[in-house]
């Protein structure tokens, strides 16, 4: 009978421990390294590949600079191919994102800017449709 009285106390203790773990993970999101505004991985369709694989534009308008050793891989991709956007666990030279097409085609990338969606480009009055992120200006 005494054991049954301890069960509610144990359940309460476990609930409080789980609550503090959630609070810790919430403060971990105030990160200083590999901070994404979205949870990765994500999948996108390739809109454009330029400069022999140097830059890949995804369907959301994001333009990614591909790390030099992986540019031959990216140059083989085609518009319409699906890529998965992942974090690189050991980034080199701020190439913190991995674009992966299938199981074997992977290229390290960093955000180079954003292109306006096609419906907004017509209203830009000739302004550039490419915006550099603040960290590269």
C-alpha atoms as a PDB file:
ATOM      1  CA  UNK A   1       0.000   0.000   0.000  1.00  0.00           C
ATOM      2  CA  UNK A   2       2.884   2.356   0.755  1.00  0.00           C
ATOM      3  CA  UNK A   3       4.246   1.736  -2.782  1.00  0.00           C
ATOM      4  CA  UNK A   4       1.019   2.969  -4.344  1.00  0.00           C
ATOM      5  CA  UNK A   5       1.370   6.276  -2.475  1.00  0.00           C
ATOM      6  CA  UNK A   6       4.789   6.795  -4.092  1.00  0.00           C
ATOM      7  CA  UNK A   7       3.496   6.393  -7.672  1.00  0.00           C
ATOM      8  CA  UNK A   8       1.871   9.876  -7.889  1.00  0.00           C
ATOM      9  CA  UNK A   9       5.068  11.448  -6.526  1.00  0.00           C
ATOM     10  CA  UNK A  10       7.162   9.620  -9.133  1.00  0.00           C
ATOM     11  CA  UNK A  11       4.796  10.645 -11.939  1.00  0.00           C
ATOM     12  CA  UNK A  12       4.962  14.268 -10.776  1.00  0.00           C
ATOM     13  CA  UNK A  13       8.761  14.105 -10.615  1.00  0.00           C
ATOM     14  CA  UNK A  14       8.990  12.707 -14.158  1.00  0.00           C
ATOM     15  CA  UNK A  15       6.601  15.364 -15.460  1.00  0.00           C
ATOM     16  CA  UNK A  16       8.719  18.141 -13.940  1.00  0.00           C
ATOM     17  CA  UNK A  17      11.891  16.639 -15.441  1.00  0.00           C
ATOM     18  CA  UNK A  18      10.289  16.462 -18.892  1.00  0.00           C
ATOM     19  CA  UNK A  19       9.138  20.083 -18.558  1.00  0.00           C
ATOM     20  CA  UNK A  20      12.647  21.281 -17.742  1.00  0.00           C
ATOM     21  CA  UNK A  21      14.034  19.356 -20.747  1.00  0.00           C
ATOM     22  CA  UNK A  22      11.571  21.182 -23.009  1.00  0.00           C
ATOM     23  CA  UNK A  23      12.636  24.498 -21.472  1.00  0.00           C
ATOM     24  CA  UNK A  24      16.294  23.659 -22.071  1.00  0.00           C
ATOM     25  CA  UNK A  25      15.655  22.817 -25.726  1.00  0.00           C
ATOM     26  CA  UNK A  26      13.803  26.112 -26.125  1.00  0.00           C
ATOM     27  CA  UNK A  27      16.796  28.065 -24.840  1.00  0.00           C
ATOM     28  CA  UNK A  28      19.098  26.035 -27.085  1.00  0.00           C
ATOM     29  CA  UNK A  29      17.281  27.600 -30.056  1.00  0.00           C
ATOM     30  CA  UNK A  30      18.909  30.926 -29.152  1.00  0.00           C
ATOM     31  CA  UNK A  31      21.956  29.509 -30.888  1.00  0.00           C
ATOM     32  CA  UNK A  32      25.137  31.107 -32.150  1.00  0.00           C
ATOM     33  CA  UNK A  33      26.073  28.406 -34.675  1.00  0.00           C
ATOM     34  CA  UNK A  34      24.064  26.784 -37.486  1.00  0.00           C
ATOM     35  CA  UNK A  35      20.961  28.829 -36.743  1.00  0.00           C
ATOM     36  CA  UNK A  36      18.236  28.205 -39.291  1.00  0.00           C
ATOM     37  CA  UNK A  37      14.873  29.865 -39.288  1.00  0.00           C
ATOM     38  CA  UNK A  38      13.351  26.517 -40.232  1.00  0.00           C
ATOM     39  CA  UNK A  39      13.935  22.996 -39.092  1.00  0.00           C
ATOM     40  CA  UNK A  40      16.085  21.137 -41.583  1.00  0.00           C
ATOM     41  CA  UNK A  41      16.032  18.954 -43.618  1.00  0.00           C
ATOM     42  CA  UNK A  42      13.698  20.417 -46.226  1.00  0.00           C
ATOM     43  CA  UNK A  43      13.128  19.457 -49.846  1.00  0.00           C
ATOM     44  CA  UNK A  44      13.002  21.860 -52.785  1.00  0.00           C
ATOM     45  CA  UNK A  45      12.946  21.725 -56.546  1.00  0.00           C
ATOM     46  CA  UNK A  46      15.888  23.261 -58.434  1.00  0.00           C
ATOM     47  CA  UNK A  47      14.851  26.299 -60.470  1.00  0.00           C
ATOM     48  CA  UNK A  48      18.210  27.172 -62.078  1.00  0.00           C
ATOM     49  CA  UNK A  49      21.883  26.191 -62.151  1.00  0.00           C
ATOM     50  CA  UNK A  50      24.300  28.941 -63.236  1.00  0.00           C
ATOM     51  CA  UNK A  51      28.025  29.415 -63.870  1.00  0.00           C
ATOM     52  CA  UNK A  52      28.752  25.709 -64.409  1.00  0.00           C
ATOM     53  CA  UNK A  53      27.395  24.695 -61.012  1.00  0.00           C
ATOM     54  CA  UNK A  54      28.722  27.667 -59.037  1.00  0.00           C
ATOM     55  CA  UNK A  55      25.205  28.762 -58.050  1.00  0.00           C
ATOM     56  CA  UNK A  56      21.977  26.834 -57.565  1.00  0.00           C
ATOM     57  CA  UNK A  57      18.634  28.622 -57.308  1.00  0.00           C
ATOM     58  CA  UNK A  58      15.827  26.762 -55.595  1.00  0.00           C
ATOM     59  CA  UNK A  59      12.085  27.097 -56.156  1.00  0.00           C
ATOM     60  CA  UNK A  60      11.721  29.404 -53.125  1.00  0.00           C
ATOM     61  CA  UNK A  61      14.086  31.943 -54.745  1.00  0.00           C
ATOM     62  CA  UNK A  62      17.067  31.179 -52.514  1.00  0.00           C
ATOM     63  CA  UNK A  63      20.400  31.272 -54.373  1.00  0.00           C
ATOM     64  CA  UNK A  64      23.151  29.007 -53.023  1.00  0.00           C
ATOM     65  CA  UNK A  65      26.866  29.285 -53.765  1.00  0.00           C
ATOM     66  CA  UNK A  66      28.344  25.807 -54.155  1.00  0.00           C
ATOM     67  CA  UNK A  67      31.750  25.000 -52.639  1.00  0.00           C
ATOM     68  CA  UNK A  68      34.410  24.669 -55.361  1.00  0.00           C
ATOM     69  CA  UNK A  69      35.139  20.906 -55.031  1.00  0.00           C
ATOM     70  CA  UNK A  70      31.421  20.067 -55.418  1.00  0.00           C
ATOM     71  CA  UNK A  71      30.660  22.323 -58.403  1.00  0.00           C
ATOM     72  CA  UNK A  72      31.069  19.496 -60.953  1.00  0.00           C
ATOM     73  CA  UNK A  73      28.400  17.556 -59.047  1.00  0.00           C
ATOM     74  CA  UNK A  74      26.018  20.534 -58.979  1.00  0.00           C
ATOM     75  CA  UNK A  75      26.608  21.241 -62.680  1.00  0.00           C
ATOM     76  CA  UNK A  76      25.144  17.805 -63.492  1.00  0.00           C
ATOM     77  CA  UNK A  77      21.838  18.686 -61.815  1.00  0.00           C
ATOM     78  CA  UNK A  78      18.859  19.819 -63.882  1.00  0.00           C
ATOM     79  CA  UNK A  79      16.039  22.288 -63.235  1.00  0.00           C
ATOM     80  CA  UNK A  80      13.178  20.356 -61.687  1.00  0.00           C
ATOM     81  CA  UNK A  81      15.444  17.956 -59.770  1.00  0.00           C
ATOM     82  CA  UNK A  82      14.545  17.642 -56.098  1.00  0.00           C
ATOM     83  CA  UNK A  83      17.218  18.389 -53.493  1.00  0.00           C
ATOM     84  CA  UNK A  84      17.186  18.008 -49.750  1.00  0.00           C
ATOM     85  CA  UNK A  85      18.534  20.941 -47.731  1.00  0.00           C
ATOM     86  CA  UNK A  86      20.454  19.772 -44.641  1.00  0.00           C
ATOM     87  CA  UNK A  87      22.926  21.150 -42.110  1.00  0.00           C
ATOM     88  CA  UNK A  88      26.630  20.391 -42.504  1.00  0.00           C
ATOM     89  CA  UNK A  89      27.945  19.136 -39.185  1.00  0.00           C
ATOM     90  CA  UNK A  90      31.515  20.350 -39.792  1.00  0.00           C
ATOM     91  CA  UNK A  91      31.228  23.386 -42.103  1.00  0.00           C
ATOM     92  CA  UNK A  92      34.210  24.783 -44.027  1.00  0.00           C
ATOM     93  CA  UNK A  93      34.429  28.487 -44.997  1.00  0.00           C
ATOM     94  CA  UNK A  94      30.804  29.208 -43.975  1.00  0.00           C
ATOM     95  CA  UNK A  95      29.439  26.487 -46.305  1.00  0.00           C
ATOM     96  CA  UNK A  96      26.965  25.327 -43.634  1.00  0.00           C
ATOM     97  CA  UNK A  97      24.266  23.771 -45.834  1.00  0.00           C
ATOM     98  CA  UNK A  98      24.317  20.507 -47.746  1.00  0.00           C
ATOM     99  CA  UNK A  99      22.216  20.188 -50.888  1.00  0.00           C
ATOM    100  CA  UNK A 100      21.624  16.491 -51.537  1.00  0.00           C
ATOM    101  CA  UNK A 101      20.080  14.988 -54.676  1.00  0.00           C
ATOM    102  CA  UNK A 102      19.443  11.305 -54.152  1.00  0.00           C
ATOM    103  CA  UNK A 103      21.842   9.216 -52.121  1.00  0.00           C
ATOM    104  CA  UNK A 104      25.145  10.142 -53.782  1.00  0.00           C
ATOM    105  CA  UNK A 105      24.956  13.667 -55.251  1.00  0.00           C
ATOM    106  CA  UNK A 106      25.813  16.140 -52.495  1.00  0.00           C
ATOM    107  CA  UNK A 107      27.192  19.662 -52.537  1.00  0.00           C
ATOM    108  CA  UNK A 108      28.112  21.983 -49.664  1.00  0.00           C
ATOM    109  CA  UNK A 109      26.552  25.410 -50.081  1.00  0.00           C
ATOM    110  CA  UNK A 110      26.095  28.810 -48.467  1.00  0.00           C
ATOM    111  CA  UNK A 111      23.328  31.326 -49.020  1.00  0.00           C
ATOM    112  CA  UNK A 112      24.370  33.832 -51.678  1.00  0.00           C
ATOM    113  CA  UNK A 113      21.091  35.748 -51.859  1.00  0.00           C
ATOM    114  CA  UNK A 114      17.482  35.586 -52.948  1.00  0.00           C
ATOM    115  CA  UNK A 115      15.708  36.126 -56.221  1.00  0.00           C
ATOM    116  CA  UNK A 116      12.256  37.641 -56.253  1.00  0.00           C
ATOM    117  CA  UNK A 117       9.481  35.296 -57.320  1.00  0.00           C
ATOM    118  CA  UNK A 118       8.608  35.665 -61.032  1.00  0.00           C
ATOM    119  CA  UNK A 119       5.298  37.440 -60.327  1.00  0.00           C
ATOM    120  CA  UNK A 120       7.121  40.202 -58.389  1.00  0.00           C
ATOM    121  CA  UNK A 121       9.948  40.680 -60.914  1.00  0.00           C
ATOM    122  CA  UNK A 122       7.678  42.468 -63.388  1.00  0.00           C
ATOM    123  CA  UNK A 123       6.802  45.147 -60.818  1.00  0.00           C
ATOM    124  CA  UNK A 124      10.394  45.910 -59.827  1.00  0.00           C
ATOM    125  CA  UNK A 125      10.791  48.694 -62.451  1.00  0.00           C
ATOM    126  CA  UNK A 126      14.073  47.348 -63.739  1.00  0.00           C
ATOM    127  CA  UNK A 127      15.650  46.986 -60.310  1.00  0.00           C
ATOM    128  CA  UNK A 128      17.869  44.010 -59.699  1.00  0.00           C
ATOM    129  CA  UNK A 129      15.896  40.902 -58.791  1.00  0.00           C
ATOM    130  CA  UNK A 130      18.776  39.519 -56.727  1.00  0.00           C
ATOM    131  CA  UNK A 131      19.340  40.483 -53.103  1.00  0.00           C
ATOM    132  CA  UNK A 132      22.536  39.723 -51.200  1.00  0.00           C
ATOM    133  CA  UNK A 133      22.195  38.688 -47.544  1.00  0.00           C
ATOM    134  CA  UNK A 134      23.421  41.262 -45.030  1.00  0.00           C
ATOM    135  CA  UNK A 135      26.309  39.005 -43.959  1.00  0.00           C
ATOM    136  CA  UNK A 136      27.869  39.237 -47.468  1.00  0.00           C
ATOM    137  CA  UNK A 137      27.540  42.986 -48.004  1.00  0.00           C
END
